[in-house]
Protein backbone atom coordinates (compact mmCIF):
# COMPACT_ATOMS: atom_id res chain seq x y z
CA UNK A 1 133.59 75.74 56.67
CA UNK A 2 131.33 75.18 59.35
CA UNK A 3 130.46 71.79 60.88
CA UNK A 4 127.76 69.55 59.90
CA UNK A 5 125.96 67.02 61.79
CA UNK A 6 123.04 64.49 61.36
CA UNK A 7 119.88 63.99 63.82
CA UNK A 8 118.05 60.76 64.07
CA UNK A 9 114.40 61.20 63.81
CA UNK A 10 114.06 60.22 67.81
CA UNK A 11 116.97 63.01 68.57
CA UNK A 12 115.20 65.53 66.17
CA UNK A 13 111.60 64.95 67.97
CA UNK A 14 113.08 65.57 71.61
CA UNK A 15 114.74 68.57 70.49
CA UNK A 16 112.27 69.95 68.07
CA UNK A 17 111.39 73.08 70.45
CA UNK A 18 115.09 74.33 70.05
CA UNK A 19 115.39 73.66 66.35
CA UNK A 20 114.59 75.68 63.35
CA UNK A 21 113.48 73.26 60.94
CA UNK A 22 114.16 74.10 57.21
CA UNK A 23 112.56 71.57 54.66
CA UNK A 24 114.13 71.58 51.20
CA UNK A 25 111.64 69.64 49.55
CA UNK A 26 109.41 70.80 46.73
CA UNK A 27 106.21 72.63 47.88
CA UNK A 28 104.35 69.78 46.71
CA UNK A 29 106.34 67.57 49.03
CA UNK A 30 106.34 69.65 51.73
CA UNK A 31 102.55 70.26 51.58
CA UNK A 32 101.98 66.32 51.90
CA UNK A 33 103.14 66.44 55.13
CA UNK A 34 106.14 68.05 56.97
CA UNK A 35 107.74 68.39 60.49
CA UNK A 36 105.71 70.63 63.10
CA UNK A 37 107.08 74.54 62.37
CA UNK A 38 108.79 73.56 59.23
CA UNK A 39 110.00 76.29 56.98
CA UNK A 40 109.74 75.23 53.05
CA UNK A 41 112.91 76.54 51.16
CA UNK A 42 113.34 74.06 48.28
CA UNK A 43 116.65 73.12 47.59
CA UNK A 44 117.15 74.64 44.25
CA UNK A 45 116.37 77.98 46.17
CA UNK A 46 118.77 77.49 48.75
CA UNK A 47 121.10 80.21 47.30
CA UNK A 48 118.52 82.89 47.65
CA UNK A 49 117.79 81.92 51.46
CA UNK A 50 121.35 81.96 52.43
CA UNK A 51 121.27 85.42 53.95
CA UNK A 52 118.18 84.60 56.03
CA UNK A 53 119.55 81.25 57.04
CA UNK A 54 122.77 83.04 57.98
CA UNK A 55 121.05 85.64 60.06
CA UNK A 56 119.05 82.78 61.80
CA UNK A 57 122.13 80.67 62.79
CA UNK A 58 124.10 83.84 63.80
CA UNK A 59 121.10 84.54 66.19
CA UNK A 60 122.00 80.99 67.48
CA UNK A 61 119.25 79.08 65.76
CA UNK A 62 120.09 75.44 65.41
CA UNK A 63 119.15 74.64 61.95
CA UNK A 64 117.59 71.19 61.02
CA UNK A 65 117.50 70.32 57.33
CA UNK A 66 114.77 67.93 56.29
CA UNK A 67 113.98 66.14 52.94
CA UNK A 68 112.26 62.86 52.33
CA UNK A 69 115.23 60.49 52.62
CA UNK A 70 118.18 62.61 53.74
CA UNK A 71 119.84 62.89 50.61
CA UNK A 72 118.86 66.53 49.50
CA UNK A 73 119.23 67.87 53.27
CA UNK A 74 122.82 66.30 53.43
CA UNK A 75 123.59 68.14 50.00
CA UNK A 76 121.91 71.43 51.36
CA UNK A 77 124.12 70.88 54.92
CA UNK A 78 127.34 70.70 52.68
CA UNK A 79 126.41 73.90 50.95
CA UNK A 80 125.54 75.70 54.11
CA UNK A 81 128.76 74.54 55.66
CA UNK A 82 130.64 76.11 52.94
CA UNK A 83 128.88 79.48 53.67
CA UNK A 84 129.92 79.01 57.27
CA UNK A 85 126.25 78.09 58.36
CA UNK A 86 126.19 75.23 60.99
CA UNK A 87 123.40 72.84 60.37
CA UNK A 88 122.29 69.37 61.15
CA UNK A 89 120.85 66.92 58.51
CA UNK A 90 117.55 64.37 59.63
CA UNK A 91 118.89 61.12 59.09
CA UNK A 92 116.36 59.07 57.04
CA UNK A 93 114.32 62.19 56.20
CA UNK A 94 110.62 62.67 56.39
CA UNK A 95 110.29 58.78 55.71
CA UNK A 96 111.97 57.92 58.77
CA UNK A 97 110.18 60.47 60.83
CA UNK A 98 106.81 59.16 59.87
CA UNK A 99 107.56 55.63 59.88
CA UNK A 100 108.65 56.22 63.63
CA UNK A 101 105.10 57.79 63.99
CA UNK A 102 105.93 61.34 65.02
CA UNK A 103 103.79 64.23 64.24
CA UNK A 104 103.47 65.88 60.93
CA UNK A 105 101.49 68.82 59.88
CA UNK A 106 99.73 69.42 56.59
CA UNK A 107 98.40 72.90 55.51
CA UNK A 108 94.48 72.96 55.61
CA UNK A 109 92.57 72.97 52.29
CA UNK A 110 95.88 72.05 50.46
CA UNK A 111 95.88 69.11 47.85
CA UNK A 112 99.54 68.23 47.59
CA UNK A 113 101.01 67.16 44.26
CA UNK A 114 102.86 63.80 44.14
CA UNK A 115 105.73 63.06 45.91
CA UNK A 116 109.00 63.49 43.91
CA UNK A 117 109.75 59.96 43.55
CA UNK A 118 106.54 58.99 42.38
CA UNK A 119 106.75 62.01 39.90
CA UNK A 120 110.04 60.60 38.71
CA UNK A 121 108.71 57.05 38.41
CA UNK A 122 105.85 58.30 36.41
CA UNK A 123 108.14 60.26 33.90
CA UNK A 124 110.54 57.54 33.70
CA UNK A 125 108.14 54.96 33.20
CA UNK A 126 106.44 56.96 30.48
CA UNK A 127 109.45 57.59 28.56
CA UNK A 128 110.43 53.87 28.72
CA UNK A 129 107.33 52.79 27.45
CA UNK A 130 107.14 55.48 24.71
CA UNK A 131 110.72 54.23 23.56
CA UNK A 132 109.80 50.79 23.33
CA UNK A 133 106.25 51.29 21.65
CA UNK A 134 107.79 53.67 19.05
CA UNK A 135 110.59 51.53 18.79
CA UNK A 136 108.48 48.93 17.41
CA UNK A 137 108.24 51.36 14.18
CA UNK A 138 111.11 53.25 14.25
CA UNK A 139 114.29 51.38 15.73
CA UNK A 140 116.21 54.19 16.62
CA UNK A 141 113.29 55.37 19.29
CA UNK A 142 114.64 52.51 21.55
CA UNK A 143 117.39 54.65 22.35
CA UNK A 144 115.05 56.93 24.31
CA UNK A 145 114.38 53.72 26.75
CA UNK A 146 118.36 52.97 26.75
CA UNK A 147 118.94 56.44 27.72
CA UNK A 148 116.59 56.55 30.63
CA UNK A 149 117.52 53.07 31.73
CA UNK A 150 121.14 54.29 32.05
CA UNK A 151 120.09 57.47 33.83
CA UNK A 152 118.36 55.56 36.50
CA UNK A 153 121.19 53.35 36.81
CA UNK A 154 123.57 56.32 37.04
CA UNK A 155 120.99 57.85 39.58
CA UNK A 156 121.17 54.85 41.94
CA UNK A 157 124.99 54.42 42.01
CA UNK A 158 125.41 58.19 42.50
CA UNK A 159 122.19 58.91 44.67
CA UNK A 160 121.36 61.91 42.76
CA UNK A 161 118.60 62.18 40.37
CA UNK A 162 118.80 64.55 36.90
CA UNK A 163 115.21 63.85 36.27
CA UNK A 164 114.02 64.90 39.82
CA UNK A 165 115.97 68.29 39.19
CA UNK A 166 114.23 68.74 36.00
CA UNK A 167 110.46 67.67 37.39
CA UNK A 168 111.48 70.38 40.47
CA UNK A 169 111.32 73.15 37.96
CA UNK A 170 107.84 72.73 36.92
CA UNK A 171 105.36 75.20 38.03
CA UNK A 172 103.55 72.83 40.33
CA UNK A 173 106.74 72.10 42.17
CA UNK A 174 107.57 75.51 42.45
CA UNK A 175 106.88 77.86 45.72
CA UNK A 176 104.68 80.94 45.23
CA UNK A 177 106.82 84.04 45.63
CA UNK A 178 104.97 85.10 48.38
CA UNK A 179 105.58 82.05 50.39
CA UNK A 180 109.39 82.10 49.93
CA UNK A 181 109.30 85.53 50.81
CA UNK A 182 107.26 85.15 54.04
CA UNK A 183 109.36 82.21 54.84
CA UNK A 184 112.52 84.41 54.69
CA UNK A 185 111.10 87.19 56.51
CA UNK A 186 110.05 84.68 59.37
CA UNK A 187 113.50 83.52 59.44
CA UNK A 188 115.20 86.95 59.63
CA UNK A 189 112.29 88.54 62.06
């Protein structure tokens, strides 16, 4: 197993010229602003990218894995470490990066979908509201609200989010095949 480390936003900014940045957020999140030079490989496509990431690491590239808060990047670093690939996670993710005023890039002419946490809040709130309204007529419908509430509590306790994993599979959160292919080619070339 390869070691994993973490870099603060200031540490990463100082070393950005020597890092290969991998953003594991959804394409929509990435389009809303990413670290300069970042390659977007959504977490659910990490297994596809393993050969390219291994090639980059074997070449001596220092991999910095980035997400919004640091949770997905830590998960990605563990998966990479299991494959013998050394990587560092950005502590606090892009949230910490932008709060410190570091530069972010956004592709010109793109309209970014909502960030994943905002998509989760909309979906969870809509499901709870639907359960409560439908529960006025059918008592069993209140179970929907209770189930979503239980899922949110579980999500907070485990720092995972099943609803985000489901929403990440929606078409607007998926990379175009050519974008992912281009990213993998850039890492191996």
